Amino acid sequence: MSILGGIDVDFLCHASVEEVRSRTLETLEQCAPGGGYALGTGNTVANYIPVKNYLAMLEAGNEFNSR
């Protein structure tokens, strides 16, 4: 069993890149220790999500995994 998602699509649409990065790292710090968590959105990644925000989420995930 695992947890999937955690980053709200509406948040990804309206937040700044720095807010997305910060929220993603906070989510990972809370959910990832011990395994069983897969970073993602709360729904399908739609075409109206700013690409820069989606990439910020992925880059923050990579940064977290590099620690």
PDB file of N, CA and C in Angstrom:
ATOM      1  N   MET A   1       0.838  -1.151   0.000  1.00  0.00           N
ATOM      2  CA  MET A   1       0.000   0.000   0.000  1.00  0.00           C
ATOM      3  C   MET A   1       0.897   1.231   0.000  1.00  0.00           C
ATOM      4  N   SER A   2       0.468   2.257  -0.734  1.00  0.00           N
ATOM      5  CA  SER A   2       1.254   3.489  -0.767  1.00  0.00           C
ATOM      6  C   SER A   2       0.335   4.696  -0.906  1.00  0.00           C
ATOM      7  N   ILE A   3       0.907   5.851  -0.676  1.00  0.00           N
ATOM      8  CA  ILE A   3       0.190   7.111  -0.846  1.00  0.00           C
ATOM      9  C   ILE A   3       0.646   7.707  -2.159  1.00  0.00           C
ATOM     10  N   LEU A   4      -0.293   8.150  -2.992  1.00  0.00           N
ATOM     11  CA  LEU A   4       0.017   8.739  -4.282  1.00  0.00           C
ATOM     12  C   LEU A   4      -0.619  10.109  -4.368  1.00  0.00           C
ATOM     13  N   GLY A   5       0.133  11.077  -4.807  1.00  0.00           N
ATOM     14  CA  GLY A   5      -0.420  12.415  -5.018  1.00  0.00           C
ATOM     15  C   GLY A   5       0.084  13.387  -3.987  1.00  0.00           C
ATOM     16  N   GLY A   6      -0.824  14.242  -3.540  1.00  0.00           N
ATOM     17  CA  GLY A   6      -0.469  15.166  -2.474  1.00  0.00           C
ATOM     18  C   GLY A   6      -0.353  16.614  -2.892  1.00  0.00           C
ATOM     19  N   ILE A   7      -0.123  16.886  -4.167  1.00  0.00           N
ATOM     20  CA  ILE A   7      -0.001  18.265  -4.617  1.00  0.00           C
ATOM     21  C   ILE A   7      -1.267  18.610  -5.406  1.00  0.00           C
ATOM     22  N   ASP A   8      -2.052  19.514  -4.853  1.00  0.00           N
ATOM     23  CA  ASP A   8      -3.347  19.874  -5.412  1.00  0.00           C
ATOM     24  C   ASP A   8      -3.218  20.539  -6.786  1.00  0.00           C
ATOM     25  N   VAL A   9      -4.053  20.130  -7.729  1.00  0.00           N
ATOM     26  CA  VAL A   9      -4.027  20.673  -9.086  1.00  0.00           C
ATOM     27  C   VAL A   9      -4.343  22.168  -9.082  1.00  0.00           C
ATOM     28  N   ASP A  10      -5.330  22.599  -8.311  1.00  0.00           N
ATOM     29  CA  ASP A  10      -5.662  24.018  -8.254  1.00  0.00           C
ATOM     30  C   ASP A  10      -4.479  24.825  -7.722  1.00  0.00           C
ATOM     31  N   PHE A  11      -3.802  24.279  -6.721  1.00  0.00           N
ATOM     32  CA  PHE A  11      -2.607  24.934  -6.193  1.00  0.00           C
ATOM     33  C   PHE A  11      -1.550  25.060  -7.282  1.00  0.00           C
ATOM     34  N   LEU A  12      -1.315  24.000  -8.034  1.00  0.00           N
ATOM     35  CA  LEU A  12      -0.336  24.048  -9.126  1.00  0.00           C
ATOM     36  C   LEU A  12      -0.698  25.108 -10.165  1.00  0.00           C
ATOM     37  N   CYS A  13      -1.976  25.329 -10.368  1.00  0.00           N
ATOM     38  CA  CYS A  13      -2.427  26.314 -11.362  1.00  0.00           C
ATOM     39  C   CYS A  13      -2.197  27.746 -10.912  1.00  0.00           C
ATOM     40  N   HIS A  14      -2.318  28.006  -9.629  1.00  0.00           N
ATOM     41  CA  HIS A  14      -2.342  29.388  -9.159  1.00  0.00           C
ATOM     42  C   HIS A  14      -1.131  29.824  -8.330  1.00  0.00           C
ATOM     43  N   ALA A  15      -0.330  28.914  -7.873  1.00  0.00           N
ATOM     44  CA  ALA A  15       0.808  29.250  -7.012  1.00  0.00           C
ATOM     45  C   ALA A  15       2.003  29.704  -7.846  1.00  0.00           C
ATOM     46  N   SER A  16       2.930  30.347  -7.165  1.00  0.00           N
ATOM     47  CA  SER A  16       4.193  30.713  -7.818  1.00  0.00           C
ATOM     48  C   SER A  16       5.103  29.484  -7.850  1.00  0.00           C
ATOM     49  N   VAL A  17       6.128  29.566  -8.659  1.00  0.00           N
ATOM     50  CA  VAL A  17       7.096  28.473  -8.743  1.00  0.00           C
ATOM     51  C   VAL A  17       7.705  28.202  -7.367  1.00  0.00           C
ATOM     52  N   GLU A  18       8.050  29.253  -6.641  1.00  0.00           N
ATOM     53  CA  GLU A  18       8.656  29.071  -5.317  1.00  0.00           C
ATOM     54  C   GLU A  18       7.666  28.446  -4.338  1.00  0.00           C
ATOM     55  N   GLU A  19       6.399  28.812  -4.416  1.00  0.00           N
ATOM     56  CA  GLU A  19       5.384  28.204  -3.547  1.00  0.00           C
ATOM     57  C   GLU A  19       5.225  26.721  -3.860  1.00  0.00           C
ATOM     58  N   VAL A  20       5.245  26.372  -5.144  1.00  0.00           N
ATOM     59  CA  VAL A  20       5.142  24.962  -5.536  1.00  0.00           C
ATOM     60  C   VAL A  20       6.344  24.191  -5.009  1.00  0.00           C
ATOM     61  N   ARG A  21       7.517  24.747  -5.188  1.00  0.00           N
ATOM     62  CA  ARG A  21       8.740  24.095  -4.714  1.00  0.00           C
ATOM     63  C   ARG A  21       8.674  23.871  -3.199  1.00  0.00           C
ATOM     64  N   SER A  22       8.290  24.910  -2.475  1.00  0.00           N
ATOM     65  CA  SER A  22       8.221  24.829  -1.019  1.00  0.00           C
ATOM     66  C   SER A  22       7.186  23.801  -0.562  1.00  0.00           C
ATOM     67  N   ARG A  23       5.980  23.839  -1.140  1.00  0.00           N
ATOM     68  CA  ARG A  23       4.917  22.892  -0.763  1.00  0.00           C
ATOM     69  C   ARG A  23       5.334  21.462  -1.080  1.00  0.00           C
ATOM     70  N   THR A  24       5.985  21.270  -2.209  1.00  0.00           N
ATOM     71  CA  THR A  24       6.421  19.929  -2.592  1.00  0.00           C
ATOM     72  C   THR A  24       7.428  19.382  -1.591  1.00  0.00           C
ATOM     73  N   LEU A  25       8.415  20.208  -1.223  1.00  0.00           N
ATOM     74  CA  LEU A  25       9.416  19.753  -0.249  1.00  0.00           C
ATOM     75  C   LEU A  25       8.784  19.477   1.108  1.00  0.00           C
ATOM     76  N   GLU A  26       7.840  20.314   1.527  1.00  0.00           N
ATOM     77  CA  GLU A  26       7.140  20.085   2.802  1.00  0.00           C
ATOM     78  C   GLU A  26       6.357  18.780   2.760  1.00  0.00           C
ATOM     79  N   THR A  27       5.684  18.537   1.653  1.00  0.00           N
ATOM     80  CA  THR A  27       4.904  17.307   1.506  1.00  0.00           C
ATOM     81  C   THR A  27       5.810  16.085   1.562  1.00  0.00           C
ATOM     82  N   LEU A  28       6.926  16.159   0.861  1.00  0.00           N
ATOM     83  CA  LEU A  28       7.865  15.038   0.871  1.00  0.00           C
ATOM     84  C   LEU A  28       8.448  14.802   2.254  1.00  0.00           C
ATOM     85  N   GLU A  29       8.768  15.868   2.965  1.00  0.00           N
ATOM     86  CA  GLU A  29       9.316  15.714   4.318  1.00  0.00           C
ATOM     87  C   GLU A  29       8.318  15.023   5.246  1.00  0.00           C
ATOM     88  N   GLN A  30       7.035  15.265   5.050  1.00  0.00           N
ATOM     89  CA  GLN A  30       6.003  14.663   5.895  1.00  0.00           C
ATOM     90  C   GLN A  30       5.631  13.242   5.456  1.00  0.00           C
ATOM     91  N   CYS A  31       5.625  12.991   4.150  1.00  0.00           N
ATOM     92  CA  CYS A  31       5.068  11.728   3.645  1.00  0.00           C
ATOM     93  C   CYS A  31       6.096  10.685   3.208  1.00  0.00           C
ATOM     94  N   ALA A  32       7.283  11.114   2.832  1.00  0.00           N
ATOM     95  CA  ALA A  32       8.230  10.185   2.225  1.00  0.00           C
ATOM     96  C   ALA A  32       9.048   9.340   3.200  1.00  0.00           C
ATOM     97  N   PRO A  33       9.369   9.828   4.394  1.00  0.00           N
ATOM     98  CA  PRO A  33      10.206   8.999   5.269  1.00  0.00           C
ATOM     99  C   PRO A  33       9.589   7.607   5.499  1.00  0.00           C
ATOM    100  N   GLY A  34      10.408   6.608   5.318  1.00  0.00           N
ATOM    101  CA  GLY A  34       9.947   5.237   5.506  1.00  0.00           C
ATOM    102  C   GLY A  34       9.431   4.595   4.236  1.00  0.00           C
ATOM    103  N   GLY A  35       9.335   5.377   3.155  1.00  0.00           N
ATOM    104  CA  GLY A  35       8.876   4.831   1.875  1.00  0.00           C
ATOM    105  C   GLY A  35       7.372   4.790   1.750  1.00  0.00           C
ATOM    106  N   GLY A  36       6.900   4.315   0.638  1.00  0.00           N
ATOM    107  CA  GLY A  36       5.470   4.172   0.419  1.00  0.00           C
ATOM    108  C   GLY A  36       4.768   5.426  -0.058  1.00  0.00           C
ATOM    109  N   TYR A  37       5.533   6.417  -0.535  1.00  0.00           N
ATOM    110  CA  TYR A  37       4.916   7.647  -1.040  1.00  0.00           C
ATOM    111  C   TYR A  37       5.408   7.917  -2.451  1.00  0.00           C
ATOM    112  N   ALA A  38       4.479   8.248  -3.346  1.00  0.00           N
ATOM    113  CA  ALA A  38       4.813   8.600  -4.722  1.00  0.00           C
ATOM    114  C   ALA A  38       4.328  10.018  -4.983  1.00  0.00           C
ATOM    115  N   LEU A  39       5.241  10.920  -5.253  1.00  0.00           N
ATOM    116  CA  LEU A  39       4.913  12.313  -5.515  1.00  0.00           C
ATOM    117  C   LEU A  39       4.050  12.427  -6.764  1.00  0.00           C
ATOM    118  N   GLY A  40       3.017  13.237  -6.680  1.00  0.00           N
ATOM    119  CA  GLY A  40       2.156  13.481  -7.833  1.00  0.00           C
ATOM    120  C   GLY A  40       1.102  14.505  -7.499  1.00  0.00           C
ATOM    121  N   THR A  41       0.220  14.725  -8.441  1.00  0.00           N
ATOM    122  CA  THR A  41      -0.871  15.669  -8.234  1.00  0.00           C
ATOM    123  C   THR A  41      -2.061  14.955  -7.625  1.00  0.00           C
ATOM    124  N   GLY A  42      -3.043  15.747  -7.228  1.00  0.00           N
ATOM    125  CA  GLY A  42      -4.264  15.181  -6.686  1.00  0.00           C
ATOM    126  C   GLY A  42      -5.191  14.664  -7.762  1.00  0.00           C
ATOM    127  N   ASN A  43      -4.800  14.802  -9.022  1.00  0.00           N
ATOM    128  CA  ASN A  43      -5.629  14.410 -10.147  1.00  0.00           C
ATOM    129  C   ASN A  43      -4.729  14.299 -11.373  1.00  0.00           C
ATOM    130  N   THR A  44      -5.338  14.201 -12.541  1.00  0.00           N
ATOM    131  CA  THR A  44      -4.583  14.167 -13.787  1.00  0.00           C
ATOM    132  C   THR A  44      -3.851  15.485 -13.991  1.00  0.00           C
ATOM    133  N   VAL A  45      -2.670  15.430 -14.557  1.00  0.00           N
ATOM    134  CA  VAL A  45      -1.935  16.646 -14.887  1.00  0.00           C
ATOM    135  C   VAL A  45      -2.538  17.194 -16.180  1.00  0.00           C
ATOM    136  N   ALA A  46      -3.353  18.226 -16.034  1.00  0.00           N
ATOM    137  CA  ALA A  46      -4.086  18.795 -17.165  1.00  0.00           C
ATOM    138  C   ALA A  46      -3.243  19.811 -17.925  1.00  0.00           C
ATOM    139  N   ASN A  47      -3.640  20.085 -19.160  1.00  0.00           N
ATOM    140  CA  ASN A  47      -2.883  21.010 -20.003  1.00  0.00           C
ATOM    141  C   ASN A  47      -2.964  22.458 -19.544  1.00  0.00           C
ATOM    142  N   TYR A  48      -3.839  22.786 -18.620  1.00  0.00           N
ATOM    143  CA  TYR A  48      -3.943  24.161 -18.140  1.00  0.00           C
ATOM    144  C   TYR A  48      -3.046  24.436 -16.929  1.00  0.00           C
ATOM    145  N   ILE A  49      -2.347  23.438 -16.438  1.00  0.00           N
ATOM    146  CA  ILE A  49      -1.365  23.659 -15.370  1.00  0.00           C
ATOM    147  C   ILE A  49      -0.134  24.283 -16.017  1.00  0.00           C
ATOM    148  N   PRO A  50       0.349  25.410 -15.482  1.00  0.00           N
ATOM    149  CA  PRO A  50       1.562  26.004 -16.044  1.00  0.00           C
ATOM    150  C   PRO A  50       2.727  25.014 -16.006  1.00  0.00           C
ATOM    151  N   VAL A  51       3.366  24.839 -17.133  1.00  0.00           N
ATOM    152  CA  VAL A  51       4.462  23.882 -17.237  1.00  0.00           C
ATOM    153  C   VAL A  51       5.553  24.193 -16.209  1.00  0.00           C
ATOM    154  N   LYS A  52       5.837  25.492 -16.008  1.00  0.00           N
ATOM    155  CA  LYS A  52       6.893  25.862 -15.055  1.00  0.00           C
ATOM    156  C   LYS A  52       6.567  25.383 -13.643  1.00  0.00           C
ATOM    157  N   ASN A  53       5.279  25.352 -13.288  1.00  0.00           N
ATOM    158  CA  ASN A  53       4.899  24.873 -11.956  1.00  0.00           C
ATOM    159  C   ASN A  53       5.009  23.360 -11.854  1.00  0.00           C
ATOM    160  N   TYR A  54       4.591  22.668 -12.889  1.00  0.00           N
ATOM    161  CA  TYR A  54       4.719  21.209 -12.888  1.00  0.00           C
ATOM    162  C   TYR A  54       6.189  20.806 -12.805  1.00  0.00           C
ATOM    163  N   LEU A  55       7.023  21.488 -13.590  1.00  0.00           N
ATOM    164  CA  LEU A  55       8.457  21.192 -13.554  1.00  0.00           C
ATOM    165  C   LEU A  55       9.069  21.533 -12.202  1.00  0.00           C
ATOM    166  N   ALA A  56       8.573  22.593 -11.553  1.00  0.00           N
ATOM    167  CA  ALA A  56       9.064  22.943 -10.212  1.00  0.00           C
ATOM    168  C   ALA A  56       8.760  21.821  -9.226  1.00  0.00           C
ATOM    169  N   MET A  57       7.576  21.209  -9.351  1.00  0.00           N
ATOM    170  CA  MET A  57       7.221  20.086  -8.481  1.00  0.00           C
ATOM    171  C   MET A  57       8.177  18.913  -8.718  1.00  0.00           C
ATOM    172  N   LEU A  58       8.428  18.583  -9.974  1.00  0.00           N
ATOM    173  CA  LEU A  58       9.320  17.470 -10.289  1.00  0.00           C
ATOM    174  C   LEU A  58      10.752  17.751  -9.841  1.00  0.00           C
ATOM    175  N   GLU A  59      11.228  18.980 -10.066  1.00  0.00           N
ATOM    176  CA  GLU A  59      12.586  19.338  -9.670  1.00  0.00           C
ATOM    177  C   GLU A  59      12.745  19.289  -8.149  1.00  0.00           C
ATOM    178  N   ALA A  60      11.729  19.721  -7.418  1.00  0.00           N
ATOM    179  CA  ALA A  60      11.790  19.643  -5.956  1.00  0.00           C
ATOM    180  C   ALA A  60      11.833  18.183  -5.515  1.00  0.00           C
ATOM    181  N   GLY A  61      11.092  17.325  -6.205  1.00  0.00           N
ATOM    182  CA  GLY A  61      11.142  15.892  -5.902  1.00  0.00           C
ATOM    183  C   GLY A  61      12.528  15.324  -6.130  1.00  0.00           C
ATOM    184  N   ASN A  62      13.158  15.707  -7.214  1.00  0.00           N
ATOM    185  CA  ASN A  62      14.521  15.263  -7.481  1.00  0.00           C
ATOM    186  C   ASN A  62      15.496  15.796  -6.453  1.00  0.00           C
ATOM    187  N   GLU A  63      15.295  17.054  -6.060  1.00  0.00           N
ATOM    188  CA  GLU A  63      16.153  17.655  -5.029  1.00  0.00           C
ATOM    189  C   GLU A  63      16.016  16.889  -3.708  1.00  0.00           C
ATOM    190  N   PHE A  64      14.798  16.555  -3.340  1.00  0.00           N
ATOM    191  CA  PHE A  64      14.564  15.811  -2.102  1.00  0.00           C
ATOM    192  C   PHE A  64      15.240  14.454  -2.151  1.00  0.00           C
ATOM    193  N   ASN A  65      15.148  13.792  -3.290  1.00  0.00           N
ATOM    194  CA  ASN A  65      15.756  12.456  -3.427  1.00  0.00           C
ATOM    195  C   ASN A  65      17.274  12.497  -3.446  1.00  0.00           C
ATOM    196  N   SER A  66      17.843  13.663  -3.745  1.00  0.00           N
ATOM    197  CA  SER A  66      19.304  13.798  -3.795  1.00  0.00           C
ATOM    198  C   SER A  66      19.914  14.058  -2.428  1.00  0.00           C
ATOM    199  N   ARG A  67      19.083  14.301  -1.441  1.00  0.00           N
ATOM    200  CA  ARG A  67      19.600  14.616  -0.090  1.00  0.00           C
ATOM    201  C   ARG A  67      20.230  13.414   0.552  1.00  0.00           C
TER     202      ARG A  67
END
